[in-house]
Amino acid sequence: MRVYGSILNRIQEACRQPAPEVGMGATHMMYSDRQPYTVIRVLSPTRILVQADRAIRADTNGQSESQTYDYQPDPQGVVLVLSRRRNGRWIPAGLTMYQGSFCLGIREAYRDPSF
């Protein structure tokens, strides 16, 4: 298996996922960034809908590793269908297991300052 991007994102992706519930936070784990989402509908035990949240920077640290965000629902946010794969990861429907995964139970934003 090839490891890419932030090691913290890869470790968090591998953690055990809780059962999805409406209103639960979700985080899209990208290469090294993270984007907050909210579970808005449970379609089945292996398919859910998530919607992107607004992440508003709450600190004054500028471009740095130390970041704090406030989160708000975004009625205009992107809605994605996620499917739970054999490896237990939640992946956007239509993508492979290696094209970005979601962690349920946490809502977190992070912008890698090195890019």
N, C-alpha and C. Protein backbone atom coordinates (compact mmCIF):
# COMPACT_ATOMS: atom_id res chain seq x y z
N MET A 1 0.84 -1.18 0.00
CA MET A 1 0.00 0.00 0.00
C MET A 1 0.88 1.24 0.00
N ARG A 2 0.51 2.20 -0.82
CA ARG A 2 1.26 3.43 -0.96
C ARG A 2 0.74 4.47 0.03
N VAL A 3 1.64 5.12 0.76
CA VAL A 3 1.25 6.17 1.70
C VAL A 3 1.53 7.51 1.04
N TYR A 4 0.61 8.45 1.17
CA TYR A 4 0.73 9.74 0.51
C TYR A 4 0.20 10.82 1.45
N GLY A 5 0.64 12.05 1.26
CA GLY A 5 0.11 13.18 2.01
C GLY A 5 0.46 13.15 3.48
N SER A 6 -0.39 13.77 4.27
CA SER A 6 -0.17 13.92 5.70
C SER A 6 -0.30 12.57 6.43
N ILE A 7 0.70 12.23 7.21
CA ILE A 7 0.65 10.98 7.97
C ILE A 7 -0.50 11.03 8.99
N LEU A 8 -0.81 12.22 9.53
CA LEU A 8 -1.92 12.34 10.48
C LEU A 8 -3.25 12.01 9.81
N ASN A 9 -3.45 12.46 8.57
CA ASN A 9 -4.67 12.13 7.85
C ASN A 9 -4.76 10.63 7.60
N ARG A 10 -3.64 9.99 7.23
CA ARG A 10 -3.66 8.56 6.94
C ARG A 10 -3.94 7.75 8.20
N ILE A 11 -3.40 8.17 9.35
CA ILE A 11 -3.66 7.47 10.62
C ILE A 11 -5.13 7.62 11.00
N GLN A 12 -5.66 8.84 10.89
CA GLN A 12 -7.05 9.08 11.27
C GLN A 12 -8.01 8.29 10.36
N GLU A 13 -7.68 8.18 9.08
CA GLU A 13 -8.52 7.42 8.14
C GLU A 13 -8.65 5.96 8.56
N ALA A 14 -7.57 5.42 9.13
CA ALA A 14 -7.53 4.00 9.46
C ALA A 14 -8.25 3.67 10.77
N CYS A 15 -8.69 4.68 11.51
CA CYS A 15 -9.39 4.43 12.77
C CYS A 15 -10.76 3.83 12.52
N ARG A 16 -11.25 3.12 13.52
CA ARG A 16 -12.58 2.51 13.42
C ARG A 16 -13.65 3.60 13.29
N GLN A 17 -14.58 3.39 12.38
CA GLN A 17 -15.62 4.37 12.09
C GLN A 17 -16.89 4.07 12.91
N PRO A 18 -17.50 5.09 13.52
CA PRO A 18 -18.76 4.86 14.24
C PRO A 18 -19.91 4.67 13.25
N ALA A 19 -21.03 4.15 13.73
CA ALA A 19 -22.23 4.04 12.89
C ALA A 19 -22.71 5.45 12.56
N PRO A 20 -23.07 5.71 11.30
CA PRO A 20 -23.49 7.07 10.92
C PRO A 20 -24.83 7.45 11.53
N GLU A 21 -24.95 8.72 11.92
CA GLU A 21 -26.19 9.29 12.44
C GLU A 21 -26.37 10.67 11.84
N VAL A 22 -27.60 11.06 11.59
CA VAL A 22 -27.88 12.39 11.06
C VAL A 22 -27.40 13.44 12.07
N GLY A 23 -26.70 14.45 11.57
CA GLY A 23 -26.15 15.51 12.42
C GLY A 23 -24.72 15.27 12.84
N MET A 24 -24.23 14.06 12.65
CA MET A 24 -22.86 13.71 13.03
C MET A 24 -21.86 14.44 12.13
N GLY A 25 -20.76 14.85 12.69
CA GLY A 25 -19.69 15.46 11.91
C GLY A 25 -18.98 14.42 11.07
N ALA A 26 -18.40 14.89 9.98
CA ALA A 26 -17.59 14.05 9.10
C ALA A 26 -16.47 14.93 8.57
N THR A 27 -15.34 14.33 8.28
CA THR A 27 -14.20 15.06 7.76
C THR A 27 -13.68 14.40 6.50
N HIS A 28 -13.55 15.20 5.44
CA HIS A 28 -12.97 14.71 4.19
C HIS A 28 -11.46 14.80 4.33
N MET A 29 -10.80 13.66 4.29
CA MET A 29 -9.35 13.60 4.41
C MET A 29 -8.75 13.67 3.01
N MET A 30 -8.14 14.78 2.71
CA MET A 30 -7.53 14.94 1.40
C MET A 30 -6.04 14.67 1.51
N TYR A 31 -5.26 15.12 0.55
CA TYR A 31 -3.82 14.85 0.55
C TYR A 31 -3.21 15.24 1.89
N SER A 32 -3.33 16.52 2.25
CA SER A 32 -2.89 16.95 3.57
C SER A 32 -3.91 17.89 4.23
N ASP A 33 -4.88 18.37 3.49
CA ASP A 33 -5.93 19.23 4.04
C ASP A 33 -7.10 18.39 4.55
N ARG A 34 -7.96 19.04 5.33
CA ARG A 34 -9.18 18.41 5.82
C ARG A 34 -10.34 19.39 5.64
N GLN A 35 -11.51 18.89 5.26
CA GLN A 35 -12.69 19.71 5.03
C GLN A 35 -13.85 19.15 5.86
N PRO A 36 -14.55 20.03 6.64
CA PRO A 36 -15.65 19.54 7.48
C PRO A 36 -16.96 19.33 6.72
N TYR A 37 -17.68 18.30 7.11
CA TYR A 37 -18.98 17.96 6.55
C TYR A 37 -19.91 17.54 7.69
N THR A 38 -21.20 17.43 7.38
CA THR A 38 -22.19 16.92 8.31
C THR A 38 -22.99 15.83 7.62
N VAL A 39 -23.27 14.74 8.34
CA VAL A 39 -24.13 13.69 7.81
C VAL A 39 -25.55 14.24 7.81
N ILE A 40 -26.19 14.28 6.62
CA ILE A 40 -27.55 14.83 6.54
C ILE A 40 -28.61 13.76 6.30
N ARG A 41 -28.19 12.57 5.89
CA ARG A 41 -29.15 11.49 5.69
C ARG A 41 -28.43 10.15 5.66
N VAL A 42 -29.02 9.16 6.32
CA VAL A 42 -28.52 7.79 6.28
C VAL A 42 -29.42 7.02 5.32
N LEU A 43 -28.88 6.63 4.18
CA LEU A 43 -29.66 5.91 3.17
C LEU A 43 -29.72 4.42 3.46
N SER A 44 -28.64 3.88 3.99
CA SER A 44 -28.55 2.47 4.37
C SER A 44 -27.32 2.33 5.26
N PRO A 45 -27.05 1.15 5.80
CA PRO A 45 -25.85 0.99 6.63
C PRO A 45 -24.55 1.24 5.86
N THR A 46 -24.62 1.24 4.52
CA THR A 46 -23.40 1.42 3.72
C THR A 46 -23.45 2.63 2.78
N ARG A 47 -24.50 3.45 2.89
CA ARG A 47 -24.61 4.64 2.04
C ARG A 47 -25.19 5.79 2.85
N ILE A 48 -24.52 6.96 2.76
CA ILE A 48 -24.98 8.15 3.47
C ILE A 48 -24.83 9.38 2.58
N LEU A 49 -25.54 10.45 2.96
CA LEU A 49 -25.36 11.75 2.32
C LEU A 49 -24.68 12.67 3.32
N VAL A 50 -23.67 13.40 2.85
CA VAL A 50 -22.99 14.40 3.67
C VAL A 50 -23.03 15.73 2.94
N GLN A 51 -23.01 16.82 3.72
CA GLN A 51 -23.01 18.16 3.13
C GLN A 51 -21.86 18.95 3.72
N ALA A 52 -21.16 19.70 2.85
CA ALA A 52 -20.02 20.51 3.28
C ALA A 52 -20.47 21.60 4.25
N ASP A 53 -19.66 21.84 5.27
CA ASP A 53 -19.89 22.90 6.25
C ASP A 53 -19.01 24.10 5.94
N ARG A 54 -19.34 25.23 6.55
CA ARG A 54 -18.46 26.40 6.49
C ARG A 54 -17.45 26.27 7.63
N ALA A 55 -16.21 26.50 7.32
CA ALA A 55 -15.16 26.53 8.34
C ALA A 55 -14.60 27.95 8.37
N ILE A 56 -14.79 28.63 9.50
CA ILE A 56 -14.37 30.01 9.62
C ILE A 56 -13.19 30.08 10.57
N ARG A 57 -12.10 30.59 10.10
CA ARG A 57 -10.88 30.66 10.91
C ARG A 57 -11.13 31.51 12.14
N ALA A 58 -10.83 30.96 13.33
CA ALA A 58 -11.11 31.63 14.60
C ALA A 58 -9.86 32.13 15.31
N ASP A 59 -8.69 31.87 14.74
CA ASP A 59 -7.46 32.32 15.38
C ASP A 59 -6.85 33.46 14.55
N THR A 60 -5.77 34.01 15.06
CA THR A 60 -5.06 35.08 14.34
C THR A 60 -3.62 34.67 14.08
N ASN A 61 -3.40 33.38 13.84
CA ASN A 61 -2.05 32.86 13.68
C ASN A 61 -1.52 32.97 12.25
N GLY A 62 -2.33 33.46 11.34
CA GLY A 62 -1.87 33.57 9.95
C GLY A 62 -1.61 32.20 9.35
N GLN A 63 -0.72 32.17 8.38
CA GLN A 63 -0.39 30.91 7.70
C GLN A 63 0.54 30.10 8.61
N SER A 64 -0.04 29.15 9.35
CA SER A 64 0.74 28.38 10.32
C SER A 64 0.09 27.02 10.54
N GLU A 65 0.79 26.17 11.26
CA GLU A 65 0.27 24.84 11.62
C GLU A 65 -0.80 24.94 12.70
N SER A 66 -0.76 25.99 13.51
CA SER A 66 -1.68 26.17 14.62
C SER A 66 -2.95 26.85 14.11
N GLN A 67 -4.01 26.07 13.90
CA GLN A 67 -5.24 26.58 13.31
C GLN A 67 -6.45 26.19 14.16
N THR A 68 -7.36 27.15 14.34
CA THR A 68 -8.61 26.91 15.05
C THR A 68 -9.76 27.40 14.17
N TYR A 69 -10.82 26.61 14.08
CA TYR A 69 -11.95 26.96 13.23
C TYR A 69 -13.26 26.89 14.00
N ASP A 70 -14.22 27.72 13.58
CA ASP A 70 -15.61 27.60 14.00
C ASP A 70 -16.36 27.01 12.81
N TYR A 71 -17.34 26.16 13.08
CA TYR A 71 -18.05 25.48 12.00
C TYR A 71 -19.52 25.89 12.00
N GLN A 72 -20.05 26.09 10.80
CA GLN A 72 -21.46 26.43 10.63
C GLN A 72 -22.02 25.57 9.50
N PRO A 73 -23.30 25.21 9.60
CA PRO A 73 -23.93 24.50 8.48
C PRO A 73 -23.94 25.41 7.25
N ASP A 74 -23.84 24.84 6.08
CA ASP A 74 -23.89 25.59 4.83
C ASP A 74 -25.00 25.01 3.97
N PRO A 75 -26.18 25.64 3.97
CA PRO A 75 -27.30 25.12 3.18
C PRO A 75 -26.97 25.00 1.70
N GLN A 76 -25.98 25.76 1.22
CA GLN A 76 -25.56 25.71 -0.18
C GLN A 76 -24.34 24.81 -0.38
N GLY A 77 -23.90 24.14 0.69
CA GLY A 77 -22.71 23.29 0.61
C GLY A 77 -22.90 22.09 -0.31
N VAL A 78 -21.81 21.62 -0.84
CA VAL A 78 -21.80 20.45 -1.72
C VAL A 78 -22.34 19.23 -0.97
N VAL A 79 -23.22 18.48 -1.61
CA VAL A 79 -23.76 17.24 -1.04
C VAL A 79 -23.14 16.06 -1.78
N LEU A 80 -22.61 15.11 -1.03
CA LEU A 80 -21.99 13.93 -1.61
C LEU A 80 -22.65 12.66 -1.08
N VAL A 81 -22.71 11.64 -1.92
CA VAL A 81 -23.13 10.31 -1.49
C VAL A 81 -21.85 9.55 -1.16
N LEU A 82 -21.78 9.03 0.06
CA LEU A 82 -20.62 8.22 0.46
C LEU A 82 -21.06 6.76 0.56
N SER A 83 -20.15 5.88 0.20
CA SER A 83 -20.42 4.45 0.37
C SER A 83 -19.32 3.85 1.22
N ARG A 84 -19.73 2.95 2.09
CA ARG A 84 -18.76 2.27 2.95
C ARG A 84 -18.17 1.09 2.18
N ARG A 85 -16.86 1.04 2.10
CA ARG A 85 -16.19 0.02 1.32
C ARG A 85 -15.77 -1.16 2.18
N ARG A 86 -15.28 -2.20 1.53
CA ARG A 86 -14.87 -3.42 2.24
C ARG A 86 -13.83 -3.16 3.32
N ASN A 87 -12.97 -2.16 3.09
CA ASN A 87 -11.94 -1.85 4.08
C ASN A 87 -12.48 -0.98 5.23
N GLY A 88 -13.79 -0.67 5.23
CA GLY A 88 -14.41 0.09 6.30
C GLY A 88 -14.39 1.59 6.09
N ARG A 89 -13.76 2.06 5.03
CA ARG A 89 -13.67 3.50 4.79
C ARG A 89 -14.88 4.02 4.02
N TRP A 90 -15.22 5.27 4.32
CA TRP A 90 -16.31 5.95 3.62
C TRP A 90 -15.70 6.75 2.48
N ILE A 91 -16.12 6.42 1.24
CA ILE A 91 -15.55 6.99 0.02
C ILE A 91 -16.70 7.59 -0.81
N PRO A 92 -16.49 8.74 -1.46
CA PRO A 92 -17.53 9.26 -2.35
C PRO A 92 -17.89 8.22 -3.41
N ALA A 93 -19.20 8.04 -3.63
CA ALA A 93 -19.67 7.06 -4.62
C ALA A 93 -19.06 7.37 -5.98
N GLY A 94 -18.61 6.32 -6.65
CA GLY A 94 -18.02 6.46 -7.97
C GLY A 94 -16.51 6.61 -7.97
N LEU A 95 -15.90 6.80 -6.81
CA LEU A 95 -14.45 6.93 -6.73
C LEU A 95 -13.83 5.64 -6.19
N THR A 96 -12.55 5.48 -6.43
CA THR A 96 -11.86 4.31 -5.90
C THR A 96 -11.51 4.55 -4.43
N MET A 97 -11.09 3.51 -3.74
CA MET A 97 -10.76 3.61 -2.32
C MET A 97 -9.58 4.53 -2.06
N TYR A 98 -8.84 4.89 -3.09
CA TYR A 98 -7.63 5.70 -2.89
C TYR A 98 -7.80 7.12 -3.39
N GLN A 99 -9.04 7.56 -3.63
CA GLN A 99 -9.26 8.91 -4.14
C GLN A 99 -9.89 9.84 -3.11
N GLY A 100 -9.63 9.61 -1.85
CA GLY A 100 -10.15 10.48 -0.79
C GLY A 100 -11.17 9.76 0.06
N SER A 101 -10.97 9.79 1.35
CA SER A 101 -11.91 9.13 2.24
C SER A 101 -12.41 10.10 3.30
N PHE A 102 -13.45 9.68 4.00
CA PHE A 102 -14.07 10.48 5.05
C PHE A 102 -13.97 9.74 6.38
N CYS A 103 -13.80 10.50 7.44
CA CYS A 103 -13.86 9.96 8.80
C CYS A 103 -15.14 10.49 9.44
N LEU A 104 -15.93 9.59 10.00
CA LEU A 104 -17.16 9.99 10.67
C LEU A 104 -16.89 10.22 12.15
N GLY A 105 -17.71 11.07 12.75
CA GLY A 105 -17.61 11.31 14.18
C GLY A 105 -16.73 12.50 14.53
N ILE A 106 -16.06 13.09 13.56
CA ILE A 106 -15.26 14.30 13.79
C ILE A 106 -15.57 15.30 12.70
N ARG A 107 -15.52 16.57 13.05
CA ARG A 107 -15.71 17.66 12.08
C ARG A 107 -14.47 18.53 12.22
N GLU A 108 -13.64 18.54 11.19
CA GLU A 108 -12.37 19.23 11.33
C GLU A 108 -11.94 19.85 10.01
N ALA A 109 -11.40 21.06 10.10
CA ALA A 109 -10.82 21.74 8.94
C ALA A 109 -9.33 21.91 9.19
N TYR A 110 -8.57 21.88 8.14
CA TYR A 110 -7.13 22.14 8.21
C TYR A 110 -6.65 22.52 6.82
N ARG A 111 -5.90 23.57 6.73
CA ARG A 111 -5.30 23.99 5.47
C ARG A 111 -3.79 23.91 5.63
N ASP A 112 -3.15 23.05 4.87
CA ASP A 112 -1.70 22.87 4.96
C ASP A 112 -1.00 24.16 4.53
N PRO A 113 -0.26 24.81 5.44
CA PRO A 113 0.38 26.08 5.10
C PRO A 113 1.57 25.95 4.16
N SER A 114 2.02 24.74 3.89
CA SER A 114 3.20 24.58 3.02
C SER A 114 2.86 24.60 1.54
N PHE A 115 1.56 24.73 1.21
CA PHE A 115 1.18 24.78 -0.21
C PHE A 115 0.73 26.16 -0.59
